[in-house]
């Protein structure tokens, strides 16, 4: 018989409330064949509320000494209570990573963004250098007055033709 410490759901629809129970691992979640209730968990309360997770530490210690294994969620509660050490985080498997095609798209996008940022920085540096350089006084350009405008030229040629 494999004994486990896990959650059994109680409460109303959309208002969950859990009992932390010790039971045989082969039993259904709420089978009623529990060996002992060792705590309560109310996920509806704020995370910093002391009544969110209430555990009977002595009962939990005695059941773990007898070989009861906590579920993942209960293990997190026990880590927060300081009863057990935190498990090392497992490394991600290849299945959890995006496909090669998606990784290439992300890399290309990052390269394009880096190139745009580099060009923008270069443009800002050039603008800053141009603003800091002493403004050269340009010599006034003498405006050339055309002898005649094209309309006057056509009128003059017509007068000569007559």
C-alpha atoms as a PDB file:
ATOM      1  CA  UNK A   1       0.000   0.000   0.000  1.00  0.00           C
ATOM      2  CA  UNK A   2       1.483   3.338  -1.120  1.00  0.00           C
ATOM      3  CA  UNK A   3       0.400   6.098   1.220  1.00  0.00           C
ATOM      4  CA  UNK A   4       0.219   9.628  -0.138  1.00  0.00           C
ATOM      5  CA  UNK A   5      -0.482  13.079   1.264  1.00  0.00           C
ATOM      6  CA  UNK A   6      -2.612  14.952  -1.242  1.00  0.00           C
ATOM      7  CA  UNK A   7      -5.519  17.352  -1.679  1.00  0.00           C
ATOM      8  CA  UNK A   8      -9.169  16.302  -1.609  1.00  0.00           C
ATOM      9  CA  UNK A   9     -11.554  18.837  -3.111  1.00  0.00           C
ATOM     10  CA  UNK A  10     -14.517  20.151  -1.174  1.00  0.00           C
ATOM     11  CA  UNK A  11     -16.525  23.357  -1.456  1.00  0.00           C
ATOM     12  CA  UNK A  12     -19.024  24.586  -4.002  1.00  0.00           C
ATOM     13  CA  UNK A  13     -18.798  25.002  -7.740  1.00  0.00           C
ATOM     14  CA  UNK A  14     -16.251  27.731  -8.610  1.00  0.00           C
ATOM     15  CA  UNK A  15     -15.491  28.093  -4.876  1.00  0.00           C
ATOM     16  CA  UNK A  16     -12.859  25.389  -4.230  1.00  0.00           C
ATOM     17  CA  UNK A  17     -11.741  24.365  -0.783  1.00  0.00           C
ATOM     18  CA  UNK A  18      -9.354  21.503  -0.146  1.00  0.00           C
ATOM     19  CA  UNK A  19      -8.498  19.178   2.714  1.00  0.00           C
ATOM     20  CA  UNK A  20      -4.927  17.913   2.918  1.00  0.00           C
ATOM     21  CA  UNK A  21      -5.465  14.195   3.474  1.00  0.00           C
ATOM     22  CA  UNK A  22      -3.459  11.012   3.897  1.00  0.00           C
ATOM     23  CA  UNK A  23      -4.824   8.164   1.804  1.00  0.00           C
ATOM     24  CA  UNK A  24      -3.884   5.161  -0.273  1.00  0.00           C
ATOM     25  CA  UNK A  25      -2.613   6.217  -3.700  1.00  0.00           C
ATOM     26  CA  UNK A  26      -5.039   3.802  -5.406  1.00  0.00           C
ATOM     27  CA  UNK A  27      -8.114   5.546  -3.973  1.00  0.00           C
ATOM     28  CA  UNK A  28     -10.009   8.206  -5.910  1.00  0.00           C
ATOM     29  CA  UNK A  29      -9.502  11.827  -4.939  1.00  0.00           C
ATOM     30  CA  UNK A  30     -12.684  12.167  -2.873  1.00  0.00           C
ATOM     31  CA  UNK A  31     -13.398   8.498  -2.227  1.00  0.00           C
ATOM     32  CA  UNK A  32     -13.971   8.987   1.470  1.00  0.00           C
ATOM     33  CA  UNK A  33     -11.451   6.258   2.254  1.00  0.00           C
ATOM     34  CA  UNK A  34      -9.004   8.673   3.826  1.00  0.00           C
ATOM     35  CA  UNK A  35      -6.748   7.677   6.683  1.00  0.00           C
ATOM     36  CA  UNK A  36      -6.445  11.127   8.240  1.00  0.00           C
ATOM     37  CA  UNK A  37      -6.972  14.820   7.488  1.00  0.00           C
ATOM     38  CA  UNK A  38      -3.747  16.714   8.197  1.00  0.00           C
ATOM     39  CA  UNK A  39      -4.608  20.211   6.974  1.00  0.00           C
ATOM     40  CA  UNK A  40      -6.733  22.553   4.928  1.00  0.00           C
ATOM     41  CA  UNK A  41      -6.111  24.737   1.868  1.00  0.00           C
ATOM     42  CA  UNK A  42      -8.331  27.617   0.751  1.00  0.00           C
ATOM     43  CA  UNK A  43      -7.127  28.999  -2.617  1.00  0.00           C
ATOM     44  CA  UNK A  44      -9.766  31.741  -2.497  1.00  0.00           C
ATOM     45  CA  UNK A  45      -7.821  33.610   0.211  1.00  0.00           C
ATOM     46  CA  UNK A  46      -4.959  36.002  -0.533  1.00  0.00           C
ATOM     47  CA  UNK A  47      -1.527  34.427  -0.927  1.00  0.00           C
ATOM     48  CA  UNK A  48      -0.154  36.192   2.137  1.00  0.00           C
ATOM     49  CA  UNK A  49      -3.088  35.157   4.344  1.00  0.00           C
ATOM     50  CA  UNK A  50      -2.089  32.841   7.217  1.00  0.00           C
ATOM     51  CA  UNK A  51      -5.336  30.849   6.895  1.00  0.00           C
ATOM     52  CA  UNK A  52      -4.735  30.003   3.208  1.00  0.00           C
ATOM     53  CA  UNK A  53      -2.753  26.863   4.112  1.00  0.00           C
ATOM     54  CA  UNK A  54      -3.193  25.315   7.557  1.00  0.00           C
ATOM     55  CA  UNK A  55      -1.171  22.158   8.272  1.00  0.00           C
ATOM     56  CA  UNK A  56      -0.907  20.001  11.381  1.00  0.00           C
ATOM     57  CA  UNK A  57       2.880  19.779  11.315  1.00  0.00           C
ATOM     58  CA  UNK A  58       3.164  16.933  13.825  1.00  0.00           C
ATOM     59  CA  UNK A  59       0.742  14.705  11.900  1.00  0.00           C
ATOM     60  CA  UNK A  60       2.506  15.449   8.602  1.00  0.00           C
ATOM     61  CA  UNK A  61       5.901  14.587  10.127  1.00  0.00           C
ATOM     62  CA  UNK A  62       4.609  11.327  11.563  1.00  0.00           C
ATOM     63  CA  UNK A  63       3.031  10.235   8.256  1.00  0.00           C
ATOM     64  CA  UNK A  64       6.161  11.130   6.306  1.00  0.00           C
ATOM     65  CA  UNK A  65       8.200   9.103   8.813  1.00  0.00           C
ATOM     66  CA  UNK A  66       5.898   6.160   8.015  1.00  0.00           C
ATOM     67  CA  UNK A  67       6.681   6.573   4.299  1.00  0.00           C
ATOM     68  CA  UNK A  68       3.854   8.769   2.990  1.00  0.00           C
ATOM     69  CA  UNK A  69       4.813  10.704  -0.138  1.00  0.00           C
ATOM     70  CA  UNK A  70       3.394  14.224  -0.661  1.00  0.00           C
ATOM     71  CA  UNK A  71       1.865  15.243  -3.999  1.00  0.00           C
ATOM     72  CA  UNK A  72       3.531  18.075  -5.932  1.00  0.00           C
ATOM     73  CA  UNK A  73       1.197  20.753  -4.566  1.00  0.00           C
ATOM     74  CA  UNK A  74       1.448  19.484  -0.983  1.00  0.00           C
ATOM     75  CA  UNK A  75       5.244  19.302  -1.378  1.00  0.00           C
ATOM     76  CA  UNK A  76       5.228  23.047  -2.177  1.00  0.00           C
ATOM     77  CA  UNK A  77       3.203  23.674   0.971  1.00  0.00           C
ATOM     78  CA  UNK A  78       5.731  21.669   2.993  1.00  0.00           C
ATOM     79  CA  UNK A  79       8.638  23.623   1.464  1.00  0.00           C
ATOM     80  CA  UNK A  80       6.937  26.895   2.449  1.00  0.00           C
ATOM     81  CA  UNK A  81       6.374  25.519   5.961  1.00  0.00           C
ATOM     82  CA  UNK A  82      10.071  24.578   6.191  1.00  0.00           C
ATOM     83  CA  UNK A  83       9.498  20.841   6.649  1.00  0.00           C
ATOM     84  CA  UNK A  84      11.363  19.675   3.539  1.00  0.00           C
ATOM     85  CA  UNK A  85      14.040  21.085   1.257  1.00  0.00           C
ATOM     86  CA  UNK A  86      13.038  22.447  -2.130  1.00  0.00           C
ATOM     87  CA  UNK A  87      13.551  20.132  -5.086  1.00  0.00           C
ATOM     88  CA  UNK A  88      15.953  21.306  -7.760  1.00  0.00           C
ATOM     89  CA  UNK A  89      14.159  22.635 -10.825  1.00  0.00           C
ATOM     90  CA  UNK A  90      14.326  20.036 -13.605  1.00  0.00           C
ATOM     91  CA  UNK A  91      15.901  21.064 -16.882  1.00  0.00           C
ATOM     92  CA  UNK A  92      13.610  21.663 -19.804  1.00  0.00           C
ATOM     93  CA  UNK A  93      13.284  18.869 -22.321  1.00  0.00           C
ATOM     94  CA  UNK A  94      13.586  19.445 -26.036  1.00  0.00           C
ATOM     95  CA  UNK A  95       9.808  19.054 -26.437  1.00  0.00           C
ATOM     96  CA  UNK A  96       9.247  22.165 -24.332  1.00  0.00           C
ATOM     97  CA  UNK A  97      11.358  24.308 -26.668  1.00  0.00           C
ATOM     98  CA  UNK A  98       9.995  25.933 -29.820  1.00  0.00           C
ATOM     99  CA  UNK A  99      10.662  24.251 -33.166  1.00  0.00           C
ATOM    100  CA  UNK A 100      13.793  25.083 -35.166  1.00  0.00           C
ATOM    101  CA  UNK A 101      11.752  27.115 -37.645  1.00  0.00           C
ATOM    102  CA  UNK A 102      10.268  29.236 -34.843  1.00  0.00           C
ATOM    103  CA  UNK A 103      13.711  29.690 -33.290  1.00  0.00           C
ATOM    104  CA  UNK A 104      15.104  30.849 -36.658  1.00  0.00           C
ATOM    105  CA  UNK A 105      12.251  33.339 -37.062  1.00  0.00           C
ATOM    106  CA  UNK A 106      12.903  34.709 -33.566  1.00  0.00           C
ATOM    107  CA  UNK A 107      16.640  34.988 -34.321  1.00  0.00           C
ATOM    108  CA  UNK A 108      15.979  36.785 -37.619  1.00  0.00           C
ATOM    109  CA  UNK A 109      13.606  39.199 -35.904  1.00  0.00           C
ATOM    110  CA  UNK A 110      16.171  39.897 -33.177  1.00  0.00           C
ATOM    111  CA  UNK A 111      18.858  40.509 -35.817  1.00  0.00           C
ATOM    112  CA  UNK A 112      16.604  42.940 -37.702  1.00  0.00           C
ATOM    113  CA  UNK A 113      15.773  44.823 -34.499  1.00  0.00           C
ATOM    114  CA  UNK A 114      19.470  45.009 -33.608  1.00  0.00           C
ATOM    115  CA  UNK A 115      20.309  46.326 -37.094  1.00  0.00           C
ATOM    116  CA  UNK A 116      17.573  48.980 -36.881  1.00  0.00           C
ATOM    117  CA  UNK A 117      18.772  50.029 -33.429  1.00  0.00           C
ATOM    118  CA  UNK A 118      22.355  50.236 -34.726  1.00  0.00           C
ATOM    119  CA  UNK A 119      21.303  52.387 -37.693  1.00  0.00           C
ATOM    120  CA  UNK A 120      19.259  54.630 -35.419  1.00  0.00           C
ATOM    121  CA  UNK A 121      22.209  55.068 -33.060  1.00  0.00           C
ATOM    122  CA  UNK A 122      24.492  55.924 -36.008  1.00  0.00           C
ATOM    123  CA  UNK A 123      21.973  58.471 -37.316  1.00  0.00           C
ATOM    124  CA  UNK A 124      21.656  60.070 -33.884  1.00  0.00           C
ATOM    125  CA  UNK A 125      25.452  60.250 -33.568  1.00  0.00           C
ATOM    126  CA  UNK A 126      25.718  61.901 -36.998  1.00  0.00           C
ATOM    127  CA  UNK A 127      22.981  64.391 -36.111  1.00  0.00           C
ATOM    128  CA  UNK A 128      24.675  65.176 -32.822  1.00  0.00           C
ATOM    129  CA  UNK A 129      28.040  65.660 -34.551  1.00  0.00           C
ATOM    130  CA  UNK A 130      26.429  67.971 -37.117  1.00  0.00           C
ATOM    131  CA  UNK A 131      24.763  70.000 -34.377  1.00  0.00           C
ATOM    132  CA  UNK A 132      28.009  70.347 -32.423  1.00  0.00           C
ATOM    133  CA  UNK A 133      30.081  71.441 -35.439  1.00  0.00           C
ATOM    134  CA  UNK A 134      30.317  75.226 -35.763  1.00  0.00           C
ATOM    135  CA  UNK A 135      27.787  76.445 -38.243  1.00  0.00           C
ATOM    136  CA  UNK A 136      29.615  77.658 -41.331  1.00  0.00           C
ATOM    137  CA  UNK A 137      28.427  80.979 -42.568  1.00  0.00           C
ATOM    138  CA  UNK A 138      27.526  80.547 -46.152  1.00  0.00           C
ATOM    139  CA  UNK A 139      28.258  83.387 -48.511  1.00  0.00           C
ATOM    140  CA  UNK A 140      25.140  85.034 -49.818  1.00  0.00           C
ATOM    141  CA  UNK A 141      24.442  83.841 -53.311  1.00  0.00           C
ATOM    142  CA  UNK A 142      23.672  86.625 -55.723  1.00  0.00           C
ATOM    143  CA  UNK A 143      20.353  85.949 -57.277  1.00  0.00           C
ATOM    144  CA  UNK A 144      20.480  85.926 -60.993  1.00  0.00           C
ATOM    145  CA  UNK A 145      17.656  87.708 -62.669  1.00  0.00           C
ATOM    146  CA  UNK A 146      16.746  86.078 -65.900  1.00  0.00           C
ATOM    147  CA  UNK A 147      16.742  88.397 -68.853  1.00  0.00           C
ATOM    148  CA  UNK A 148      13.272  87.480 -69.816  1.00  0.00           C
ATOM    149  CA  UNK A 149      10.754  84.996 -68.635  1.00  0.00           C
ATOM    150  CA  UNK A 150       9.556  82.351 -71.105  1.00  0.00           C
ATOM    151  CA  UNK A 151       6.221  84.120 -71.552  1.00  0.00           C
ATOM    152  CA  UNK A 152       8.000  87.348 -72.462  1.00  0.00           C
ATOM    153  CA  UNK A 153      10.262  85.449 -74.866  1.00  0.00           C
ATOM    154  CA  UNK A 154       7.306  83.996 -76.775  1.00  0.00           C
ATOM    155  CA  UNK A 155       5.686  87.422 -76.946  1.00  0.00           C
ATOM    156  CA  UNK A 156       8.922  88.946 -78.270  1.00  0.00           C
ATOM    157  CA  UNK A 157       9.326  86.233 -80.934  1.00  0.00           C
ATOM    158  CA  UNK A 158       5.751  86.723 -82.088  1.00  0.00           C
ATOM    159  CA  UNK A 159       6.264  90.475 -82.370  1.00  0.00           C
ATOM    160  CA  UNK A 160       9.381  89.927 -84.483  1.00  0.00           C
ATOM    161  CA  UNK A 161       7.564  87.477 -86.707  1.00  0.00           C
ATOM    162  CA  UNK A 162       4.921  90.068 -87.605  1.00  0.00           C
END
